[in-house]
């Protein structure tokens, strides 16, 4: 089970809160879990997908490089290339 360490506060209208509480009760889960699931589904999956696409693009941009005999050499080349493009 995940250990939640950070707290976020959100203000809702009375109706939003009531409707979300009803949904949480129907799904037999706490409101916090319902909101975490929603954030995961809507925003965090999208972010991970975008990050993966960027990683693929970075790897594809290396297509013209020679393939080193040793993995450590390739890793050094990749990291130098990545640093040269200002990627985090």
Protein backbone atom coordinates (compact mmCIF):
# COMPACT_ATOMS: atom_id res chain seq x y z
CA UNK A 1 0.00 0.00 0.00
CA UNK A 2 1.23 3.49 -0.84
CA UNK A 3 2.31 5.82 1.90
CA UNK A 4 0.81 9.23 1.27
CA UNK A 5 3.11 11.96 2.50
CA UNK A 6 1.84 15.18 0.93
CA UNK A 7 -1.41 16.93 1.58
CA UNK A 8 -3.32 19.11 -0.88
CA UNK A 9 -6.29 21.22 0.03
CA UNK A 10 -9.08 21.94 -2.41
CA UNK A 11 -12.19 24.05 -1.98
CA UNK A 12 -15.39 22.74 -3.50
CA UNK A 13 -18.89 24.09 -3.80
CA UNK A 14 -21.46 22.53 -1.55
CA UNK A 15 -22.95 20.68 -4.51
CA UNK A 16 -19.54 19.39 -5.73
CA UNK A 17 -18.74 18.14 -2.26
CA UNK A 18 -22.14 16.49 -1.81
CA UNK A 19 -21.99 14.81 -5.23
CA UNK A 20 -18.43 13.60 -4.73
CA UNK A 21 -19.30 12.27 -1.26
CA UNK A 22 -22.22 10.36 -2.79
CA UNK A 23 -19.97 8.88 -5.49
CA UNK A 24 -17.36 7.92 -2.89
CA UNK A 25 -20.00 6.25 -0.74
CA UNK A 26 -21.39 4.40 -3.75
CA UNK A 27 -17.89 3.13 -4.59
CA UNK A 28 -17.24 2.37 -0.92
CA UNK A 29 -14.08 4.45 -0.72
CA UNK A 30 -13.02 7.61 1.10
CA UNK A 31 -13.41 10.93 -0.68
CA UNK A 32 -9.63 11.39 -0.66
CA UNK A 33 -9.16 8.10 -2.52
CA UNK A 34 -11.78 9.13 -5.07
CA UNK A 35 -9.97 12.43 -5.69
CA UNK A 36 -6.55 10.73 -5.92
CA UNK A 37 -7.95 8.26 -8.46
CA UNK A 38 -9.40 11.13 -10.51
CA UNK A 39 -6.10 13.03 -10.49
CA UNK A 40 -4.26 9.88 -11.53
CA UNK A 41 -6.66 9.12 -14.36
CA UNK A 42 -6.99 12.63 -15.76
CA UNK A 43 -3.63 14.30 -15.20
CA UNK A 44 -0.91 11.92 -14.07
CA UNK A 45 -1.41 9.27 -16.77
CA UNK A 46 -1.33 12.02 -19.37
CA UNK A 47 1.91 13.41 -17.91
CA UNK A 48 3.60 9.98 -17.90
CA UNK A 49 2.50 9.41 -21.50
CA UNK A 50 3.96 12.78 -22.50
CA UNK A 51 7.21 12.01 -20.65
CA UNK A 52 7.50 8.65 -22.44
CA UNK A 53 6.91 10.30 -25.81
CA UNK A 54 9.67 12.81 -25.07
CA UNK A 55 12.03 9.99 -24.08
CA UNK A 56 11.29 8.17 -27.33
CA UNK A 57 11.95 11.35 -29.32
CA UNK A 58 15.26 11.80 -27.47
CA UNK A 59 16.26 8.23 -28.29
CA UNK A 60 15.22 8.59 -31.93
CA UNK A 61 17.32 11.74 -32.21
CA UNK A 62 20.36 9.55 -31.53
CA UNK A 63 19.73 7.49 -34.69
CA UNK A 64 22.72 8.97 -36.51
CA UNK A 65 25.18 8.16 -33.75
CA UNK A 66 27.41 5.14 -33.90
CA UNK A 67 26.60 2.28 -31.59
CA UNK A 68 29.45 1.82 -29.10
CA UNK A 69 30.73 -1.61 -28.23
CA UNK A 70 30.20 -0.99 -24.52
CA UNK A 71 26.99 0.08 -22.84
CA UNK A 72 28.85 2.49 -20.55
CA UNK A 73 30.22 4.32 -23.61
CA UNK A 74 26.75 4.61 -25.09
CA UNK A 75 25.36 5.88 -21.81
CA UNK A 76 28.02 8.60 -21.65
CA UNK A 77 27.20 9.66 -25.21
CA UNK A 78 23.47 9.70 -24.50
CA UNK A 79 23.86 11.74 -21.32
CA UNK A 80 26.16 14.21 -23.08
CA UNK A 81 23.62 14.53 -25.91
CA UNK A 82 20.76 15.01 -23.45
CA UNK A 83 22.68 17.65 -21.48
CA UNK A 84 23.46 19.49 -24.71
CA UNK A 85 19.74 19.83 -25.46
CA UNK A 86 18.84 21.21 -22.02
CA UNK A 87 16.64 18.23 -21.12
CA UNK A 88 15.91 17.42 -17.49
